[in-house]
C-alpha atoms as a PDB file:
ATOM      1  CA  UNK A   1       0.000   0.000   0.000  1.00  0.00           C
ATOM      2  CA  UNK A   2       1.166   3.512  -0.751  1.00  0.00           C
ATOM      3  CA  UNK A   3      -1.430   6.162   0.025  1.00  0.00           C
ATOM      4  CA  UNK A   4       0.653   9.216   0.942  1.00  0.00           C
ATOM      5  CA  UNK A   5       4.071  10.481  -0.042  1.00  0.00           C
ATOM      6  CA  UNK A   6       6.157  13.643   0.030  1.00  0.00           C
ATOM      7  CA  UNK A   7       8.020  15.429  -2.730  1.00  0.00           C
ATOM      8  CA  UNK A   8      10.796  18.030  -2.461  1.00  0.00           C
ATOM      9  CA  UNK A   9      10.979  19.962  -5.708  1.00  0.00           C
ATOM     10  CA  UNK A  10      14.502  20.482  -7.064  1.00  0.00           C
ATOM     11  CA  UNK A  11      14.627  20.657 -10.862  1.00  0.00           C
ATOM     12  CA  UNK A  12      18.384  20.150 -11.076  1.00  0.00           C
ATOM     13  CA  UNK A  13      18.324  17.011  -8.914  1.00  0.00           C
ATOM     14  CA  UNK A  14      15.267  15.651 -10.736  1.00  0.00           C
ATOM     15  CA  UNK A  15      16.845  16.220 -14.133  1.00  0.00           C
ATOM     16  CA  UNK A  16      20.119  14.617 -13.037  1.00  0.00           C
ATOM     17  CA  UNK A  17      18.680  11.495 -11.403  1.00  0.00           C
ATOM     18  CA  UNK A  18      16.058  10.735 -14.058  1.00  0.00           C
ATOM     19  CA  UNK A  19      17.990  12.032 -17.114  1.00  0.00           C
ATOM     20  CA  UNK A  20      15.094  14.207 -18.259  1.00  0.00           C
ATOM     21  CA  UNK A  21      15.541  17.743 -19.561  1.00  0.00           C
ATOM     22  CA  UNK A  22      12.082  19.119 -20.354  1.00  0.00           C
ATOM     23  CA  UNK A  23      10.687  21.824 -18.091  1.00  0.00           C
ATOM     24  CA  UNK A  24       7.590  21.075 -16.040  1.00  0.00           C
ATOM     25  CA  UNK A  25       6.082  22.890 -13.092  1.00  0.00           C
ATOM     26  CA  UNK A  26       6.843  21.097  -9.831  1.00  0.00           C
ATOM     27  CA  UNK A  27       6.231  22.139  -6.257  1.00  0.00           C
ATOM     28  CA  UNK A  28       7.259  20.843  -2.862  1.00  0.00           C
ATOM     29  CA  UNK A  29       4.475  19.024  -1.028  1.00  0.00           C
ATOM     30  CA  UNK A  30       4.954  17.173   2.270  1.00  0.00           C
ATOM     31  CA  UNK A  31       1.557  15.478   2.173  1.00  0.00           C
ATOM     32  CA  UNK A  32       0.739  14.292  -1.347  1.00  0.00           C
ATOM     33  CA  UNK A  33      -2.681  12.633  -1.351  1.00  0.00           C
ATOM     34  CA  UNK A  34      -4.722  10.702  -3.932  1.00  0.00           C
ATOM     35  CA  UNK A  35      -6.302  12.939  -6.610  1.00  0.00           C
ATOM     36  CA  UNK A  36      -3.292  15.303  -6.388  1.00  0.00           C
ATOM     37  CA  UNK A  37      -1.395  16.431  -9.466  1.00  0.00           C
ATOM     38  CA  UNK A  38       2.041  14.795  -9.349  1.00  0.00           C
ATOM     39  CA  UNK A  39       5.173  14.784 -11.470  1.00  0.00           C
ATOM     40  CA  UNK A  40       5.935  11.538 -13.313  1.00  0.00           C
ATOM     41  CA  UNK A  41       8.543  10.427 -15.843  1.00  0.00           C
ATOM     42  CA  UNK A  42       7.226   8.745 -19.004  1.00  0.00           C
ATOM     43  CA  UNK A  43       8.149   8.122 -22.618  1.00  0.00           C
ATOM     44  CA  UNK A  44       6.955  10.366 -25.418  1.00  0.00           C
ATOM     45  CA  UNK A  45       7.527   9.417 -29.076  1.00  0.00           C
ATOM     46  CA  UNK A  46      11.030  10.874 -29.043  1.00  0.00           C
ATOM     47  CA  UNK A  47      12.394  10.702 -25.514  1.00  0.00           C
ATOM     48  CA  UNK A  48      11.648  10.699 -21.797  1.00  0.00           C
ATOM     49  CA  UNK A  49       9.665  13.591 -20.363  1.00  0.00           C
ATOM     50  CA  UNK A  50       8.286  14.952 -17.113  1.00  0.00           C
ATOM     51  CA  UNK A  51       4.500  15.309 -16.979  1.00  0.00           C
ATOM     52  CA  UNK A  52       2.032  16.304 -14.265  1.00  0.00           C
ATOM     53  CA  UNK A  53      -0.706  13.688 -13.913  1.00  0.00           C
ATOM     54  CA  UNK A  54      -3.499  13.013 -11.413  1.00  0.00           C
ATOM     55  CA  UNK A  55      -2.985  10.240  -8.847  1.00  0.00           C
ATOM     56  CA  UNK A  56      -5.709   7.594  -9.233  1.00  0.00           C
ATOM     57  CA  UNK A  57      -5.839   5.608 -12.479  1.00  0.00           C
ATOM     58  CA  UNK A  58      -8.823   5.983 -14.817  1.00  0.00           C
ATOM     59  CA  UNK A  59      -8.591   3.508 -17.743  1.00  0.00           C
ATOM     60  CA  UNK A  60      -9.068   4.853 -21.245  1.00  0.00           C
ATOM     61  CA  UNK A  61     -12.231   2.744 -21.628  1.00  0.00           C
ATOM     62  CA  UNK A  62     -13.841   3.873 -18.348  1.00  0.00           C
ATOM     63  CA  UNK A  63     -17.278   5.484 -18.468  1.00  0.00           C
ATOM     64  CA  UNK A  64     -17.551   9.212 -17.648  1.00  0.00           C
ATOM     65  CA  UNK A  65     -19.235   8.427 -14.298  1.00  0.00           C
ATOM     66  CA  UNK A  66     -16.481   5.979 -13.295  1.00  0.00           C
ATOM     67  CA  UNK A  67     -15.764   6.248  -9.562  1.00  0.00           C
ATOM     68  CA  UNK A  68     -13.103   3.557  -9.276  1.00  0.00           C
ATOM     69  CA  UNK A  69      -9.696   5.224  -9.421  1.00  0.00           C
ATOM     70  CA  UNK A  70      -7.091   2.869  -7.939  1.00  0.00           C
ATOM     71  CA  UNK A  71      -4.068   4.594  -6.464  1.00  0.00           C
ATOM     72  CA  UNK A  72      -2.141   1.310  -6.249  1.00  0.00           C
ATOM     73  CA  UNK A  73      -1.798  -1.771  -8.457  1.00  0.00           C
ATOM     74  CA  UNK A  74      -0.522  -5.080  -7.073  1.00  0.00           C
ATOM     75  CA  UNK A  75       2.549  -6.338  -8.917  1.00  0.00           C
ATOM     76  CA  UNK A  76       1.246  -9.897  -8.620  1.00  0.00           C
ATOM     77  CA  UNK A  77      -1.834  -9.176 -10.775  1.00  0.00           C
ATOM     78  CA  UNK A  78      -0.947  -6.019 -12.720  1.00  0.00           C
ATOM     79  CA  UNK A  79      -0.469  -7.872 -16.016  1.00  0.00           C
ATOM     80  CA  UNK A  80      -3.857  -9.604 -15.907  1.00  0.00           C
ATOM     81  CA  UNK A  81      -6.353  -7.175 -14.385  1.00  0.00           C
ATOM     82  CA  UNK A  82      -8.345  -5.325 -17.082  1.00  0.00           C
ATOM     83  CA  UNK A  83      -7.901  -2.018 -15.239  1.00  0.00           C
ATOM     84  CA  UNK A  84      -4.096  -2.191 -15.561  1.00  0.00           C
ATOM     85  CA  UNK A  85      -3.303  -4.577 -18.421  1.00  0.00           C
ATOM     86  CA  UNK A  86      -3.220  -2.026 -21.236  1.00  0.00           C
ATOM     87  CA  UNK A  87      -1.216   0.485 -19.202  1.00  0.00           C
ATOM     88  CA  UNK A  88       1.316  -2.186 -18.205  1.00  0.00           C
ATOM     89  CA  UNK A  89       1.858  -3.013 -21.864  1.00  0.00           C
ATOM     90  CA  UNK A  90       1.896   0.533 -23.255  1.00  0.00           C
ATOM     91  CA  UNK A  91       1.950   3.277 -20.598  1.00  0.00           C
ATOM     92  CA  UNK A  92       4.562   2.726 -17.911  1.00  0.00           C
ATOM     93  CA  UNK A  93       5.932   5.593 -15.846  1.00  0.00           C
ATOM     94  CA  UNK A  94       8.165   6.425 -12.884  1.00  0.00           C
ATOM     95  CA  UNK A  95       7.011   8.575  -9.972  1.00  0.00           C
ATOM     96  CA  UNK A  96       9.824  10.524  -8.262  1.00  0.00           C
ATOM     97  CA  UNK A  97       9.187  10.840  -4.517  1.00  0.00           C
ATOM     98  CA  UNK A  98      11.354  12.105  -1.679  1.00  0.00           C
ATOM     99  CA  UNK A  99       9.754   9.549   0.617  1.00  0.00           C
ATOM    100  CA  UNK A 100       6.437   7.959   1.498  1.00  0.00           C
ATOM    101  CA  UNK A 101       4.381   7.356   4.636  1.00  0.00           C
ATOM    102  CA  UNK A 102       2.911   4.333   6.365  1.00  0.00           C
ATOM    103  CA  UNK A 103       0.980   4.256   9.609  1.00  0.00           C
ATOM    104  CA  UNK A 104       1.241   1.794  12.474  1.00  0.00           C
ATOM    105  CA  UNK A 105      -0.776   1.369  15.659  1.00  0.00           C
ATOM    106  CA  UNK A 106      -4.314   0.783  16.847  1.00  0.00           C
ATOM    107  CA  UNK A 107      -7.332   2.604  15.454  1.00  0.00           C
ATOM    108  CA  UNK A 108      -7.424   6.163  16.768  1.00  0.00           C
ATOM    109  CA  UNK A 109      -3.746   6.073  17.741  1.00  0.00           C
ATOM    110  CA  UNK A 110      -1.881   5.370  14.506  1.00  0.00           C
ATOM    111  CA  UNK A 111       1.550   6.942  14.105  1.00  0.00           C
ATOM    112  CA  UNK A 112       3.035   7.874  10.720  1.00  0.00           C
ATOM    113  CA  UNK A 113       6.464   6.698   9.613  1.00  0.00           C
ATOM    114  CA  UNK A 114       8.516   8.312   6.858  1.00  0.00           C
ATOM    115  CA  UNK A 115      10.400   5.949   4.556  1.00  0.00           C
ATOM    116  CA  UNK A 116      13.064   7.693   2.464  1.00  0.00           C
ATOM    117  CA  UNK A 117      16.052   6.932   0.173  1.00  0.00           C
ATOM    118  CA  UNK A 118      19.518   6.687   1.683  1.00  0.00           C
ATOM    119  CA  UNK A 119      21.569   6.714  -1.516  1.00  0.00           C
ATOM    120  CA  UNK A 120      19.642   8.966  -3.920  1.00  0.00           C
ATOM    121  CA  UNK A 121      17.696  12.212  -3.771  1.00  0.00           C
ATOM    122  CA  UNK A 122      14.487  10.448  -4.818  1.00  0.00           C
ATOM    123  CA  UNK A 123      12.877   7.055  -4.927  1.00  0.00           C
ATOM    124  CA  UNK A 124      11.767   6.190  -8.460  1.00  0.00           C
ATOM    125  CA  UNK A 125       8.481   4.302  -7.995  1.00  0.00           C
ATOM    126  CA  UNK A 126       7.221   2.049 -10.773  1.00  0.00           C
ATOM    127  CA  UNK A 127       3.850   3.202 -12.054  1.00  0.00           C
ATOM    128  CA  UNK A 128       1.327   3.092 -14.869  1.00  0.00           C
ATOM    129  CA  UNK A 129      -0.499   5.944 -16.564  1.00  0.00           C
ATOM    130  CA  UNK A 130      -3.559   6.282 -18.769  1.00  0.00           C
ATOM    131  CA  UNK A 131      -5.366   8.936 -20.782  1.00  0.00           C
ATOM    132  CA  UNK A 132      -9.144   9.261 -21.152  1.00  0.00           C
ATOM    133  CA  UNK A 133     -10.124  12.271 -23.234  1.00  0.00           C
ATOM    134  CA  UNK A 134      -8.238  15.148 -21.572  1.00  0.00           C
ATOM    135  CA  UNK A 135      -7.775  13.357 -18.218  1.00  0.00           C
ATOM    136  CA  UNK A 136      -4.338  11.832 -17.573  1.00  0.00           C
ATOM    137  CA  UNK A 137      -3.915   9.696 -14.465  1.00  0.00           C
ATOM    138  CA  UNK A 138      -1.478   7.260 -12.856  1.00  0.00           C
ATOM    139  CA  UNK A 139      -1.182   4.534 -10.242  1.00  0.00           C
ATOM    140  CA  UNK A 140       1.748   3.207  -8.171  1.00  0.00           C
ATOM    141  CA  UNK A 141       2.683  -0.480  -8.348  1.00  0.00           C
ATOM    142  CA  UNK A 142       3.169  -2.235  -5.002  1.00  0.00           C
ATOM    143  CA  UNK A 143       4.834  -5.482  -3.970  1.00  0.00           C
ATOM    144  CA  UNK A 144       5.543  -7.441  -0.787  1.00  0.00           C
ATOM    145  CA  UNK A 145       7.529  -5.624   1.884  1.00  0.00           C
ATOM    146  CA  UNK A 146      11.256  -5.967   2.409  1.00  0.00           C
ATOM    147  CA  UNK A 147      12.781  -6.407   5.867  1.00  0.00           C
ATOM    148  CA  UNK A 148      12.710  -2.694   6.746  1.00  0.00           C
ATOM    149  CA  UNK A 149       9.117  -2.208   5.626  1.00  0.00           C
ATOM    150  CA  UNK A 150       7.781  -5.325   7.351  1.00  0.00           C
ATOM    151  CA  UNK A 151       8.165  -3.558  10.683  1.00  0.00           C
ATOM    152  CA  UNK A 152       5.359  -1.155   9.698  1.00  0.00           C
ATOM    153  CA  UNK A 153       3.473  -2.675   6.744  1.00  0.00           C
ATOM    154  CA  UNK A 154       3.272  -5.879   4.679  1.00  0.00           C
ATOM    155  CA  UNK A 155       3.314  -4.031   1.308  1.00  0.00           C
ATOM    156  CA  UNK A 156       5.535  -1.371  -0.242  1.00  0.00           C
ATOM    157  CA  UNK A 157       5.888   0.476  -3.566  1.00  0.00           C
ATOM    158  CA  UNK A 158       8.087  -1.057  -6.257  1.00  0.00           C
ATOM    159  CA  UNK A 159      11.219   1.105  -5.987  1.00  0.00           C
ATOM    160  CA  UNK A 160      13.341   0.918  -9.114  1.00  0.00           C
ATOM    161  CA  UNK A 161      17.127   0.957  -9.142  1.00  0.00           C
ATOM    162  CA  UNK A 162      18.396   3.972 -11.091  1.00  0.00           C
ATOM    163  CA  UNK A 163      20.106   1.675 -13.621  1.00  0.00           C
ATOM    164  CA  UNK A 164      16.714   0.122 -14.433  1.00  0.00           C
ATOM    165  CA  UNK A 165      14.723   3.294 -15.131  1.00  0.00           C
ATOM    166  CA  UNK A 166      15.017   3.006 -18.912  1.00  0.00           C
ATOM    167  CA  UNK A 167      14.457  -0.761 -18.841  1.00  0.00           C
ATOM    168  CA  UNK A 168      11.154  -0.246 -17.052  1.00  0.00           C
ATOM    169  CA  UNK A 169       9.970   2.553 -19.315  1.00  0.00           C
ATOM    170  CA  UNK A 170      11.043   0.938 -22.582  1.00  0.00           C
ATOM    171  CA  UNK A 171      10.564  -2.775 -21.945  1.00  0.00           C
ATOM    172  CA  UNK A 172       8.360  -3.180 -18.862  1.00  0.00           C
ATOM    173  CA  UNK A 173      10.545  -5.979 -17.518  1.00  0.00           C
ATOM    174  CA  UNK A 174       8.323  -7.791 -15.018  1.00  0.00           C
ATOM    175  CA  UNK A 175      11.387  -9.079 -13.149  1.00  0.00           C
ATOM    176  CA  UNK A 176      11.749  -5.543 -11.730  1.00  0.00           C
ATOM    177  CA  UNK A 177       8.448  -5.916  -9.821  1.00  0.00           C
ATOM    178  CA  UNK A 178      10.055  -6.862  -6.502  1.00  0.00           C
ATOM    179  CA  UNK A 179      11.065  -5.247  -3.192  1.00  0.00           C
ATOM    180  CA  UNK A 180      14.166  -3.074  -3.250  1.00  0.00           C
ATOM    181  CA  UNK A 181      17.131  -3.877  -1.016  1.00  0.00           C
ATOM    182  CA  UNK A 182      16.589  -2.884   2.611  1.00  0.00           C
ATOM    183  CA  UNK A 183      19.873  -0.969   2.719  1.00  0.00           C
ATOM    184  CA  UNK A 184      18.490   1.483   0.153  1.00  0.00           C
ATOM    185  CA  UNK A 185      15.944   2.954   2.564  1.00  0.00           C
ATOM    186  CA  UNK A 186      15.707   4.650   5.939  1.00  0.00           C
ATOM    187  CA  UNK A 187      12.699   4.874   8.256  1.00  0.00           C
ATOM    188  CA  UNK A 188      11.689   6.973  11.236  1.00  0.00           C
ATOM    189  CA  UNK A 189       8.539   8.052  13.033  1.00  0.00           C
ATOM    190  CA  UNK A 190       7.210  11.574  12.378  1.00  0.00           C
ATOM    191  CA  UNK A 191       4.458  13.755  13.835  1.00  0.00           C
ATOM    192  CA  UNK A 192       1.010  13.437  12.282  1.00  0.00           C
ATOM    193  CA  UNK A 193       1.477  16.844  10.603  1.00  0.00           C
ATOM    194  CA  UNK A 194       4.950  16.464   9.069  1.00  0.00           C
ATOM    195  CA  UNK A 195       7.048  19.559   8.425  1.00  0.00           C
ATOM    196  CA  UNK A 196      10.220  20.100   6.462  1.00  0.00           C
ATOM    197  CA  UNK A 197      12.448  20.185   9.559  1.00  0.00           C
ATOM    198  CA  UNK A 198      11.068  16.893  10.860  1.00  0.00           C
ATOM    199  CA  UNK A 199      11.712  14.811   7.765  1.00  0.00           C
ATOM    200  CA  UNK A 200      14.851  13.250   6.393  1.00  0.00           C
END
């Protein structure tokens, strides 16, 4: 599960890590929620590009009154489910995030944890995108948790190694749909209203 993340906007660092040059408006947000506009990396006919899409996938064939907008897609079924199958084959993307949140605890007393990269400026999350008329949306692919994540949740986003960014976008190699190495990520508890000085 990945239902909240945070994003620190730095165009130079984004361009360097994801090897994308086109300009796109980005802004820092420490509480990115579903239905938000978010920056993704995707292929256009000529090259990679940044684009701002809405979080919550709406398939191209969905009816106008469609209310199902999945924010996550399970890696185990992403190739077969009708909602994701076309996007997996044709519309893969990467979502740059500075970190993401998971909550732990009993109902009414859940505490948020921030999970963040230790060796890069951003995690590159594997995702899918779709276009229906003028609406462009995306979802984040999740997989089973690694050792670090299991302490707070049984699922985690698919976090791509930087060397595999182009492989995912161009080929959609399913072998990449697995947990990242635990040593790539840090984790700590944060207040329920996170602020820049309280995050990694």
